[in-house]
Amino acid sequence: MISTNQFKNGITIELDGTLFTIIEFQHVKPGKGGAFVRTKLRNVKTGAVIDKTFRAGEKVEQAILDRREMQYIYSDPSHYYFMDTKTFDQIPLSPEQVGEGTNYLLEGMLVTITLYENNPIGIELPITVELEVANTDPGIKGDTASGGTKPATLETGLVVQVPLFIQIGDVVKIDTRTGTYITRV
């Protein structure tokens, strides 16, 4: 149990059997009445953001999350399989648990799996990944970096907007937080 006075951004708490991560918080001391803490919480499973107000000093259950580095090894139609790099245990995750990560996973990639009470609840991808362009319109002589963009399908099936000079077979760096092109590698 932690007090609302110990809140920090990034702490995960449990409310009514649901896990929430504190995005931001603010201690408020009005001129009249008791102090309170205004928070923005993100639901760990759904990603939904809610506002919640707590009385100052109120106790809430802190969720202890375990983060382990694991390697993506393969997938089948119903699961993605990850291997713990220390114990070599394999953990299957459903496509819902992997979420948007399915657009960036390549065999052998290292990711961080978040576990709560030894149950996987999600993955954290590296901030950037390097993927090969599988299909795009051919570049034309004179296309420059500042000219414009075109859609390109990457080796994982993700479609991103890339500069006109990018060709099939080029390796590009993609930001996994926004899904946007950064640079050609």
N, C-alpha and C. Protein backbone atom coordinates (compact mmCIF):
# COMPACT_ATOMS: atom_id res chain seq x y z
N MET A 1 0.84 -1.18 0.00
CA MET A 1 0.00 0.00 0.00
C MET A 1 0.89 1.25 0.00
N ILE A 2 0.51 2.22 -0.82
CA ILE A 2 1.21 3.50 -0.81
C ILE A 2 0.19 4.61 -0.61
N SER A 3 0.68 5.70 -0.06
CA SER A 3 -0.16 6.87 0.16
C SER A 3 -0.18 7.72 -1.10
N THR A 4 -1.22 8.52 -1.27
CA THR A 4 -1.27 9.43 -2.42
C THR A 4 -0.14 10.45 -2.36
N ASN A 5 0.45 10.65 -1.19
CA ASN A 5 1.60 11.56 -1.05
C ASN A 5 2.84 10.98 -1.71
N GLN A 6 2.86 9.68 -1.99
CA GLN A 6 4.02 9.02 -2.60
C GLN A 6 3.85 8.81 -4.10
N PHE A 7 2.80 9.36 -4.69
CA PHE A 7 2.58 9.20 -6.13
C PHE A 7 3.74 9.80 -6.91
N LYS A 8 4.10 9.10 -8.00
CA LYS A 8 5.10 9.58 -8.96
C LYS A 8 4.61 9.16 -10.34
N ASN A 9 4.99 9.89 -11.35
CA ASN A 9 4.64 9.51 -12.72
C ASN A 9 5.27 8.15 -13.03
N GLY A 10 4.48 7.27 -13.65
CA GLY A 10 4.99 5.96 -14.04
C GLY A 10 4.70 4.85 -13.05
N ILE A 11 4.26 5.17 -11.83
CA ILE A 11 3.93 4.14 -10.86
C ILE A 11 2.65 3.44 -11.30
N THR A 12 2.59 2.12 -11.11
CA THR A 12 1.39 1.35 -11.44
C THR A 12 0.66 1.03 -10.15
N ILE A 13 -0.66 1.31 -10.13
CA ILE A 13 -1.48 1.04 -8.97
C ILE A 13 -2.64 0.14 -9.36
N GLU A 14 -3.24 -0.50 -8.36
CA GLU A 14 -4.39 -1.38 -8.60
C GLU A 14 -5.62 -0.76 -7.97
N LEU A 15 -6.64 -0.53 -8.78
CA LEU A 15 -7.93 0.00 -8.31
C LEU A 15 -9.03 -0.93 -8.78
N ASP A 16 -9.83 -1.44 -7.85
CA ASP A 16 -10.96 -2.30 -8.18
C ASP A 16 -10.57 -3.47 -9.08
N GLY A 17 -9.39 -4.05 -8.84
CA GLY A 17 -8.94 -5.21 -9.62
C GLY A 17 -8.38 -4.88 -10.99
N THR A 18 -8.22 -3.58 -11.30
CA THR A 18 -7.69 -3.16 -12.59
C THR A 18 -6.38 -2.41 -12.38
N LEU A 19 -5.41 -2.63 -13.27
CA LEU A 19 -4.12 -1.96 -13.17
C LEU A 19 -4.16 -0.63 -13.92
N PHE A 20 -3.62 0.42 -13.29
CA PHE A 20 -3.52 1.73 -13.89
C PHE A 20 -2.11 2.27 -13.68
N THR A 21 -1.59 2.98 -14.68
CA THR A 21 -0.32 3.66 -14.57
C THR A 21 -0.59 5.15 -14.42
N ILE A 22 0.11 5.78 -13.48
CA ILE A 22 -0.08 7.22 -13.25
C ILE A 22 0.65 7.99 -14.36
N ILE A 23 -0.11 8.75 -15.15
CA ILE A 23 0.47 9.57 -16.21
C ILE A 23 0.91 10.90 -15.62
N GLU A 24 0.02 11.53 -14.85
CA GLU A 24 0.37 12.77 -14.17
C GLU A 24 -0.51 12.91 -12.94
N PHE A 25 -0.01 13.70 -11.99
CA PHE A 25 -0.75 13.92 -10.75
C PHE A 25 -0.49 15.34 -10.27
N GLN A 26 -1.40 15.85 -9.44
CA GLN A 26 -1.26 17.20 -8.91
C GLN A 26 -1.87 17.24 -7.51
N HIS A 27 -1.08 17.68 -6.55
CA HIS A 27 -1.59 17.89 -5.20
C HIS A 27 -2.30 19.23 -5.16
N VAL A 28 -3.52 19.28 -4.63
CA VAL A 28 -4.31 20.52 -4.59
C VAL A 28 -4.71 20.78 -3.14
N LYS A 29 -4.44 21.99 -2.68
CA LYS A 29 -4.84 22.41 -1.34
C LYS A 29 -5.74 23.62 -1.49
N PRO A 30 -7.06 23.37 -1.51
CA PRO A 30 -7.97 24.51 -1.65
C PRO A 30 -7.99 25.34 -0.36
N GLY A 31 -8.46 26.57 -0.47
CA GLY A 31 -8.53 27.45 0.69
C GLY A 31 -9.47 26.91 1.76
N LYS A 32 -10.48 26.22 1.33
CA LYS A 32 -11.47 25.68 2.26
C LYS A 32 -11.59 24.18 2.02
N GLY A 33 -11.58 23.39 3.06
CA GLY A 33 -11.71 21.95 2.89
C GLY A 33 -10.36 21.26 2.90
N GLY A 34 -10.41 19.93 2.76
CA GLY A 34 -9.19 19.13 2.80
C GLY A 34 -8.46 19.08 1.48
N ALA A 35 -7.17 18.77 1.55
CA ALA A 35 -6.34 18.64 0.35
C ALA A 35 -6.74 17.37 -0.40
N PHE A 36 -6.45 17.36 -1.70
CA PHE A 36 -6.72 16.18 -2.51
C PHE A 36 -5.68 16.07 -3.61
N VAL A 37 -5.67 14.92 -4.28
CA VAL A 37 -4.72 14.65 -5.37
C VAL A 37 -5.52 14.34 -6.62
N ARG A 38 -5.30 15.14 -7.66
CA ARG A 38 -5.96 14.95 -8.96
C ARG A 38 -4.99 14.15 -9.84
N THR A 39 -5.47 13.07 -10.46
CA THR A 39 -4.57 12.22 -11.27
C THR A 39 -5.17 11.92 -12.64
N LYS A 40 -4.28 11.61 -13.57
CA LYS A 40 -4.66 11.02 -14.86
C LYS A 40 -4.05 9.63 -14.85
N LEU A 41 -4.90 8.62 -15.08
CA LEU A 41 -4.48 7.23 -15.02
C LEU A 41 -4.73 6.55 -16.35
N ARG A 42 -3.78 5.71 -16.78
CA ARG A 42 -3.94 4.94 -18.02
C ARG A 42 -4.18 3.48 -17.64
N ASN A 43 -5.27 2.92 -18.15
CA ASN A 43 -5.57 1.51 -17.94
C ASN A 43 -4.51 0.69 -18.67
N VAL A 44 -3.83 -0.20 -17.96
CA VAL A 44 -2.72 -0.97 -18.53
C VAL A 44 -3.21 -1.89 -19.65
N LYS A 45 -4.38 -2.48 -19.51
CA LYS A 45 -4.87 -3.44 -20.52
C LYS A 45 -5.48 -2.76 -21.73
N THR A 46 -6.32 -1.74 -21.51
CA THR A 46 -7.05 -1.14 -22.64
C THR A 46 -6.38 0.11 -23.18
N GLY A 47 -5.53 0.78 -22.38
CA GLY A 47 -4.89 2.02 -22.81
C GLY A 47 -5.77 3.24 -22.61
N ALA A 48 -6.99 3.05 -22.10
CA ALA A 48 -7.90 4.18 -21.87
C ALA A 48 -7.37 5.06 -20.74
N VAL A 49 -7.55 6.37 -20.87
CA VAL A 49 -7.09 7.32 -19.87
C VAL A 49 -8.31 7.85 -19.11
N ILE A 50 -8.21 7.84 -17.77
CA ILE A 50 -9.29 8.37 -16.95
C ILE A 50 -8.73 9.40 -15.97
N ASP A 51 -9.61 10.28 -15.48
CA ASP A 51 -9.26 11.23 -14.43
C ASP A 51 -9.84 10.70 -13.13
N LYS A 52 -9.05 10.74 -12.05
CA LYS A 52 -9.55 10.28 -10.76
C LYS A 52 -8.98 11.19 -9.68
N THR A 53 -9.79 11.49 -8.69
CA THR A 53 -9.38 12.34 -7.58
C THR A 53 -9.34 11.51 -6.31
N PHE A 54 -8.25 11.63 -5.55
CA PHE A 54 -8.07 10.94 -4.29
C PHE A 54 -7.96 11.96 -3.17
N ARG A 55 -8.42 11.60 -1.96
CA ARG A 55 -8.18 12.45 -0.80
C ARG A 55 -6.69 12.38 -0.45
N ALA A 56 -6.14 13.45 0.07
CA ALA A 56 -4.74 13.47 0.48
C ALA A 56 -4.52 12.43 1.56
N GLY A 57 -3.48 11.64 1.45
CA GLY A 57 -3.16 10.62 2.43
C GLY A 57 -3.90 9.31 2.25
N GLU A 58 -4.81 9.23 1.27
CA GLU A 58 -5.55 7.99 1.01
C GLU A 58 -4.56 6.90 0.57
N LYS A 59 -4.82 5.67 1.00
CA LYS A 59 -3.94 4.56 0.66
C LYS A 59 -4.50 3.79 -0.54
N VAL A 60 -3.60 3.43 -1.46
CA VAL A 60 -3.98 2.61 -2.61
C VAL A 60 -2.96 1.49 -2.75
N GLU A 61 -3.36 0.43 -3.43
CA GLU A 61 -2.49 -0.74 -3.62
C GLU A 61 -1.54 -0.48 -4.78
N GLN A 62 -0.22 -0.58 -4.51
CA GLN A 62 0.76 -0.44 -5.58
C GLN A 62 0.97 -1.79 -6.23
N ALA A 63 0.92 -1.84 -7.54
CA ALA A 63 1.13 -3.08 -8.29
C ALA A 63 2.63 -3.21 -8.59
N ILE A 64 3.20 -4.31 -8.20
CA ILE A 64 4.61 -4.56 -8.47
C ILE A 64 4.70 -5.30 -9.80
N LEU A 65 5.27 -4.63 -10.78
CA LEU A 65 5.42 -5.21 -12.11
C LEU A 65 6.84 -5.71 -12.29
N ASP A 66 6.97 -6.81 -12.99
CA ASP A 66 8.27 -7.39 -13.29
C ASP A 66 8.51 -7.18 -14.78
N ARG A 67 9.65 -6.60 -15.12
CA ARG A 67 9.99 -6.40 -16.53
C ARG A 67 11.18 -7.30 -16.87
N ARG A 68 11.00 -8.12 -17.90
CA ARG A 68 12.06 -9.04 -18.31
C ARG A 68 12.38 -8.86 -19.78
N GLU A 69 13.68 -8.91 -20.08
CA GLU A 69 14.10 -8.84 -21.47
C GLU A 69 13.89 -10.22 -22.10
N MET A 70 13.16 -10.22 -23.21
CA MET A 70 12.89 -11.48 -23.91
C MET A 70 13.11 -11.31 -25.40
N GLN A 71 13.31 -12.44 -26.05
CA GLN A 71 13.56 -12.45 -27.48
C GLN A 71 12.34 -13.02 -28.20
N TYR A 72 11.89 -12.30 -29.24
CA TYR A 72 10.79 -12.80 -30.06
C TYR A 72 11.33 -13.92 -30.93
N ILE A 73 10.69 -15.11 -30.87
CA ILE A 73 11.23 -16.22 -31.64
C ILE A 73 10.36 -16.64 -32.83
N TYR A 74 9.04 -16.69 -32.66
CA TYR A 74 8.18 -17.03 -33.80
C TYR A 74 6.73 -16.78 -33.44
N SER A 75 5.85 -16.92 -34.44
CA SER A 75 4.42 -16.77 -34.18
C SER A 75 3.65 -17.83 -34.97
N ASP A 76 2.45 -18.11 -34.49
CA ASP A 76 1.49 -18.91 -35.23
C ASP A 76 0.22 -18.07 -35.30
N PRO A 77 -0.84 -18.54 -35.93
CA PRO A 77 -2.03 -17.68 -36.08
C PRO A 77 -2.64 -17.18 -34.77
N SER A 78 -2.42 -17.88 -33.66
CA SER A 78 -3.08 -17.47 -32.42
C SER A 78 -2.16 -16.86 -31.37
N HIS A 79 -0.83 -17.02 -31.48
CA HIS A 79 0.08 -16.52 -30.45
C HIS A 79 1.41 -16.06 -31.02
N TYR A 80 2.06 -15.19 -30.25
CA TYR A 80 3.44 -14.77 -30.51
C TYR A 80 4.27 -15.35 -29.38
N TYR A 81 5.39 -15.96 -29.69
CA TYR A 81 6.19 -16.66 -28.68
C TYR A 81 7.48 -15.90 -28.41
N PHE A 82 7.75 -15.72 -27.11
CA PHE A 82 8.93 -15.00 -26.65
C PHE A 82 9.73 -15.90 -25.72
N MET A 83 11.07 -15.77 -25.77
CA MET A 83 11.93 -16.59 -24.92
C MET A 83 12.68 -15.70 -23.96
N ASP A 84 12.64 -16.06 -22.67
CA ASP A 84 13.39 -15.35 -21.64
C ASP A 84 14.88 -15.55 -21.94
N THR A 85 15.65 -14.48 -22.02
CA THR A 85 17.07 -14.58 -22.40
C THR A 85 17.94 -15.15 -21.28
N LYS A 86 17.41 -15.22 -20.05
CA LYS A 86 18.19 -15.78 -18.94
C LYS A 86 17.81 -17.23 -18.62
N THR A 87 16.51 -17.52 -18.57
CA THR A 87 16.06 -18.87 -18.19
C THR A 87 15.69 -19.73 -19.40
N PHE A 88 15.56 -19.14 -20.56
CA PHE A 88 15.17 -19.83 -21.80
C PHE A 88 13.75 -20.37 -21.76
N ASP A 89 12.92 -19.88 -20.81
CA ASP A 89 11.50 -20.24 -20.78
C ASP A 89 10.80 -19.52 -21.93
N GLN A 90 9.80 -20.20 -22.52
CA GLN A 90 9.03 -19.59 -23.60
C GLN A 90 7.67 -19.15 -23.07
N ILE A 91 7.27 -17.93 -23.48
CA ILE A 91 5.99 -17.38 -23.06
C ILE A 91 5.18 -17.03 -24.31
N PRO A 92 3.96 -17.59 -24.42
CA PRO A 92 3.09 -17.20 -25.54
C PRO A 92 2.25 -15.97 -25.18
N LEU A 93 2.13 -15.03 -26.10
CA LEU A 93 1.27 -13.86 -25.92
C LEU A 93 0.26 -13.80 -27.05
N SER A 94 -0.95 -13.42 -26.73
CA SER A 94 -1.99 -13.28 -27.76
C SER A 94 -1.75 -12.00 -28.55
N PRO A 95 -2.32 -11.88 -29.74
CA PRO A 95 -2.18 -10.64 -30.51
C PRO A 95 -2.71 -9.42 -29.75
N GLU A 96 -3.72 -9.60 -28.89
CA GLU A 96 -4.24 -8.48 -28.10
C GLU A 96 -3.21 -8.00 -27.10
N GLN A 97 -2.44 -8.92 -26.50
CA GLN A 97 -1.42 -8.55 -25.54
C GLN A 97 -0.25 -7.85 -26.22
N VAL A 98 0.08 -8.27 -27.43
CA VAL A 98 1.19 -7.65 -28.17
C VAL A 98 0.76 -6.29 -28.71
N GLY A 99 -0.50 -6.16 -29.11
CA GLY A 99 -1.04 -4.88 -29.58
C GLY A 99 -0.38 -4.41 -30.86
N GLU A 100 -0.04 -3.12 -30.90
CA GLU A 100 0.59 -2.52 -32.08
C GLU A 100 1.98 -3.09 -32.36
N GLY A 101 2.55 -3.78 -31.39
CA GLY A 101 3.88 -4.37 -31.56
C GLY A 101 3.96 -5.36 -32.70
N THR A 102 2.81 -5.91 -33.11
CA THR A 102 2.83 -6.88 -34.20
C THR A 102 3.36 -6.26 -35.50
N ASN A 103 3.27 -4.93 -35.62
CA ASN A 103 3.75 -4.25 -36.83
C ASN A 103 5.27 -4.11 -36.87
N TYR A 104 5.95 -4.38 -35.77
CA TYR A 104 7.39 -4.11 -35.69
C TYR A 104 8.23 -5.33 -35.36
N LEU A 105 7.60 -6.45 -35.00
CA LEU A 105 8.36 -7.62 -34.54
C LEU A 105 9.05 -8.36 -35.67
N LEU A 106 10.34 -8.63 -35.47
CA LEU A 106 11.12 -9.47 -36.35
C LEU A 106 11.72 -10.58 -35.52
N GLU A 107 11.87 -11.76 -36.08
CA GLU A 107 12.44 -12.88 -35.34
C GLU A 107 13.82 -12.49 -34.82
N GLY A 108 14.07 -12.80 -33.54
CA GLY A 108 15.34 -12.49 -32.91
C GLY A 108 15.38 -11.14 -32.21
N MET A 109 14.34 -10.33 -32.37
CA MET A 109 14.31 -8.99 -31.76
C MET A 109 14.15 -9.09 -30.24
N LEU A 110 14.89 -8.24 -29.51
CA LEU A 110 14.77 -8.19 -28.06
C LEU A 110 13.73 -7.15 -27.67
N VAL A 111 12.81 -7.54 -26.79
CA VAL A 111 11.76 -6.65 -26.28
C VAL A 111 11.69 -6.84 -24.77
N THR A 112 10.98 -5.94 -24.10
CA THR A 112 10.76 -6.07 -22.66
C THR A 112 9.32 -6.49 -22.44
N ILE A 113 9.14 -7.61 -21.75
CA ILE A 113 7.80 -8.11 -21.43
C ILE A 113 7.47 -7.67 -20.00
N THR A 114 6.29 -7.09 -19.81
CA THR A 114 5.84 -6.68 -18.49
C THR A 114 4.96 -7.78 -17.91
N LEU A 115 5.31 -8.22 -16.69
CA LEU A 115 4.57 -9.29 -16.03
C LEU A 115 3.99 -8.75 -14.72
N TYR A 116 2.76 -9.18 -14.41
CA TYR A 116 2.13 -8.86 -13.14
C TYR A 116 1.69 -10.18 -12.52
N GLU A 117 2.23 -10.51 -11.35
CA GLU A 117 1.98 -11.79 -10.69
C GLU A 117 2.28 -12.94 -11.64
N ASN A 118 3.41 -12.87 -12.33
CA ASN A 118 3.91 -13.85 -13.29
C ASN A 118 3.00 -14.07 -14.50
N ASN A 119 2.06 -13.16 -14.75
CA ASN A 119 1.22 -13.21 -15.94
C ASN A 119 1.61 -12.06 -16.86
N PRO A 120 1.94 -12.36 -18.13
CA PRO A 120 2.31 -11.27 -19.04
C PRO A 120 1.12 -10.36 -19.33
N ILE A 121 1.37 -9.05 -19.29
CA ILE A 121 0.29 -8.10 -19.58
C ILE A 121 0.60 -7.21 -20.78
N GLY A 122 1.82 -7.22 -21.28
CA GLY A 122 2.13 -6.42 -22.46
C GLY A 122 3.61 -6.42 -22.77
N ILE A 123 3.95 -5.74 -23.86
CA ILE A 123 5.36 -5.65 -24.27
C ILE A 123 5.75 -4.20 -24.45
N GLU A 124 7.05 -3.94 -24.28
CA GLU A 124 7.63 -2.63 -24.55
C GLU A 124 8.65 -2.83 -25.67
N LEU A 125 8.43 -2.15 -26.78
CA LEU A 125 9.32 -2.26 -27.93
C LEU A 125 10.49 -1.30 -27.79
N PRO A 126 11.58 -1.54 -28.53
CA PRO A 126 12.62 -0.51 -28.60
C PRO A 126 12.02 0.75 -29.23
N ILE A 127 12.60 1.91 -28.97
CA ILE A 127 12.05 3.17 -29.49
C ILE A 127 12.10 3.20 -31.01
N THR A 128 13.16 2.65 -31.60
CA THR A 128 13.26 2.60 -33.06
C THR A 128 13.57 1.17 -33.50
N VAL A 129 13.10 0.83 -34.69
CA VAL A 129 13.43 -0.46 -35.31
C VAL A 129 13.85 -0.20 -36.75
N GLU A 130 14.67 -1.11 -37.27
CA GLU A 130 15.11 -1.01 -38.66
C GLU A 130 14.43 -2.12 -39.45
N LEU A 131 13.66 -1.72 -40.47
CA LEU A 131 12.91 -2.67 -41.28
C LEU A 131 13.20 -2.44 -42.76
N GLU A 132 13.14 -3.53 -43.52
CA GLU A 132 13.40 -3.45 -44.97
C GLU A 132 12.11 -3.12 -45.71
N VAL A 133 12.23 -2.30 -46.76
CA VAL A 133 11.09 -1.95 -47.59
C VAL A 133 10.80 -3.12 -48.53
N ALA A 134 9.60 -3.69 -48.42
CA ALA A 134 9.22 -4.84 -49.25
C ALA A 134 8.57 -4.40 -50.55
N ASN A 135 7.83 -3.29 -50.52
CA ASN A 135 7.13 -2.85 -51.72
C ASN A 135 6.90 -1.34 -51.65
N THR A 136 7.17 -0.65 -52.75
CA THR A 136 6.86 0.77 -52.88
C THR A 136 6.95 1.14 -54.36
N ASP A 137 6.38 2.27 -54.70
CA ASP A 137 6.48 2.73 -56.08
C ASP A 137 7.95 3.06 -56.38
N PRO A 138 8.39 2.84 -57.62
CA PRO A 138 9.79 3.13 -57.94
C PRO A 138 10.07 4.63 -57.87
N GLY A 139 11.30 4.96 -57.47
CA GLY A 139 11.72 6.35 -57.44
C GLY A 139 12.03 6.84 -58.84
N ILE A 140 11.89 8.11 -59.06
CA ILE A 140 12.15 8.72 -60.37
C ILE A 140 13.34 9.65 -60.21
N LYS A 141 14.17 9.75 -61.25
CA LYS A 141 15.33 10.63 -61.18
C LYS A 141 14.88 12.05 -60.85
N GLY A 142 15.58 12.64 -59.88
CA GLY A 142 15.22 13.99 -59.46
C GLY A 142 14.44 14.02 -58.16
N ASP A 143 13.97 12.86 -57.68
CA ASP A 143 13.28 12.84 -56.39
C ASP A 143 14.28 13.19 -55.29
N THR A 144 13.89 14.07 -54.42
CA THR A 144 14.78 14.50 -53.35
C THR A 144 14.13 14.26 -52.00
N ALA A 145 14.92 14.47 -50.96
CA ALA A 145 14.43 14.25 -49.60
C ALA A 145 13.32 15.23 -49.23
N SER A 146 13.34 16.41 -49.81
CA SER A 146 12.33 17.41 -49.43
C SER A 146 11.15 17.43 -50.39
N GLY A 147 11.15 16.54 -51.39
CA GLY A 147 10.12 16.57 -52.42
C GLY A 147 8.73 16.19 -51.95
N GLY A 148 8.58 15.08 -51.26
CA GLY A 148 7.27 14.61 -50.84
C GLY A 148 7.38 13.22 -50.28
N THR A 149 6.25 12.54 -50.14
CA THR A 149 6.27 11.20 -49.59
C THR A 149 5.41 10.27 -50.42
N LYS A 150 5.62 8.97 -50.20
CA LYS A 150 4.84 7.93 -50.86
C LYS A 150 4.68 6.78 -49.86
N PRO A 151 3.65 5.96 -50.02
CA PRO A 151 3.49 4.83 -49.09
C PRO A 151 4.48 3.72 -49.42
N ALA A 152 4.99 3.06 -48.38
CA ALA A 152 5.88 1.92 -48.55
C ALA A 152 5.44 0.82 -47.59
N THR A 153 5.39 -0.41 -48.10
CA THR A 153 5.06 -1.56 -47.27
C THR A 153 6.37 -2.17 -46.80
N LEU A 154 6.49 -2.34 -45.48
CA LEU A 154 7.72 -2.88 -44.90
C LEU A 154 7.60 -4.40 -44.76
N GLU A 155 8.70 -5.05 -44.39
CA GLU A 155 8.74 -6.51 -44.33
C GLU A 155 7.77 -7.11 -43.33
N THR A 156 7.31 -6.35 -42.35
CA THR A 156 6.34 -6.85 -41.37
C THR A 156 4.90 -6.61 -41.81
N GLY A 157 4.70 -5.90 -42.93
CA GLY A 157 3.36 -5.59 -43.41
C GLY A 157 2.91 -4.18 -43.06
N LEU A 158 3.67 -3.48 -42.23
CA LEU A 158 3.35 -2.11 -41.85
C LEU A 158 3.52 -1.19 -43.05
N VAL A 159 2.57 -0.27 -43.25
CA VAL A 159 2.65 0.71 -44.33
C VAL A 159 2.96 2.07 -43.71
N VAL A 160 4.06 2.70 -44.17
CA VAL A 160 4.44 4.03 -43.66
C VAL A 160 4.70 4.95 -44.85
N GLN A 161 4.64 6.25 -44.58
CA GLN A 161 4.97 7.25 -45.59
C GLN A 161 6.48 7.47 -45.56
N VAL A 162 7.13 7.35 -46.72
CA VAL A 162 8.58 7.53 -46.84
C VAL A 162 8.89 8.55 -47.93
N PRO A 163 10.08 9.14 -47.92
CA PRO A 163 10.46 10.07 -48.99
C PRO A 163 10.47 9.37 -50.35
N LEU A 164 10.36 10.15 -51.41
CA LEU A 164 10.26 9.61 -52.76
C LEU A 164 11.49 8.82 -53.21
N PHE A 165 12.68 9.10 -52.64
CA PHE A 165 13.89 8.43 -53.09
C PHE A 165 14.06 7.01 -52.53
N ILE A 166 13.23 6.58 -51.60
CA ILE A 166 13.33 5.24 -51.00
C ILE A 166 12.94 4.18 -52.04
N GLN A 167 13.76 3.12 -52.14
CA GLN A 167 13.56 2.04 -53.11
C GLN A 167 13.22 0.73 -52.39
N ILE A 168 12.72 -0.25 -53.15
CA ILE A 168 12.51 -1.59 -52.61
C ILE A 168 13.87 -2.15 -52.21
N GLY A 169 13.94 -2.75 -51.01
CA GLY A 169 15.20 -3.31 -50.52
C GLY A 169 15.95 -2.38 -49.58
N ASP A 170 15.61 -1.09 -49.56
CA ASP A 170 16.24 -0.16 -48.62
C ASP A 170 15.82 -0.52 -47.20
N VAL A 171 16.69 -0.26 -46.24
CA VAL A 171 16.37 -0.45 -44.83
C VAL A 171 16.11 0.93 -44.24
N VAL A 172 14.96 1.06 -43.57
CA VAL A 172 14.59 2.35 -42.99
C VAL A 172 14.41 2.22 -41.48
N LYS A 173 14.66 3.31 -40.78
CA LYS A 173 14.47 3.35 -39.33
C LYS A 173 13.10 3.94 -39.05
N ILE A 174 12.30 3.24 -38.21
CA ILE A 174 10.93 3.62 -37.90
C ILE A 174 10.81 3.87 -36.39
N ASP A 175 10.11 4.93 -36.01
CA ASP A 175 9.82 5.23 -34.61
C ASP A 175 8.62 4.39 -34.20
N THR A 176 8.78 3.48 -33.21
CA THR A 176 7.69 2.58 -32.81
C THR A 176 6.61 3.29 -32.01
N ARG A 177 6.89 4.45 -31.46
CA ARG A 177 5.88 5.17 -30.69
C ARG A 177 4.85 5.83 -31.60
N THR A 178 5.31 6.34 -32.75
CA THR A 178 4.43 7.06 -33.67
C THR A 178 4.19 6.32 -34.99
N GLY A 179 5.03 5.34 -35.30
CA GLY A 179 4.89 4.60 -36.56
C GLY A 179 5.33 5.41 -37.76
N THR A 180 6.26 6.34 -37.57
CA THR A 180 6.70 7.21 -38.66
C THR A 180 8.14 6.92 -39.07
N TYR A 181 8.43 7.24 -40.31
CA TYR A 181 9.77 7.12 -40.89
C TYR A 181 10.71 8.12 -40.22
N ILE A 182 11.93 7.67 -39.91
CA ILE A 182 12.94 8.59 -39.35
C ILE A 182 14.04 8.84 -40.39
N THR A 183 14.68 7.77 -40.85
CA THR A 183 15.77 7.92 -41.80
C THR A 183 16.04 6.60 -42.53
N ARG A 184 16.80 6.71 -43.61
CA ARG A 184 17.26 5.51 -44.31
C ARG A 184 18.56 5.06 -43.65
N VAL A 185 18.72 3.74 -43.50
CA VAL A 185 19.91 3.22 -42.83
C VAL A 185 20.94 2.84 -43.88
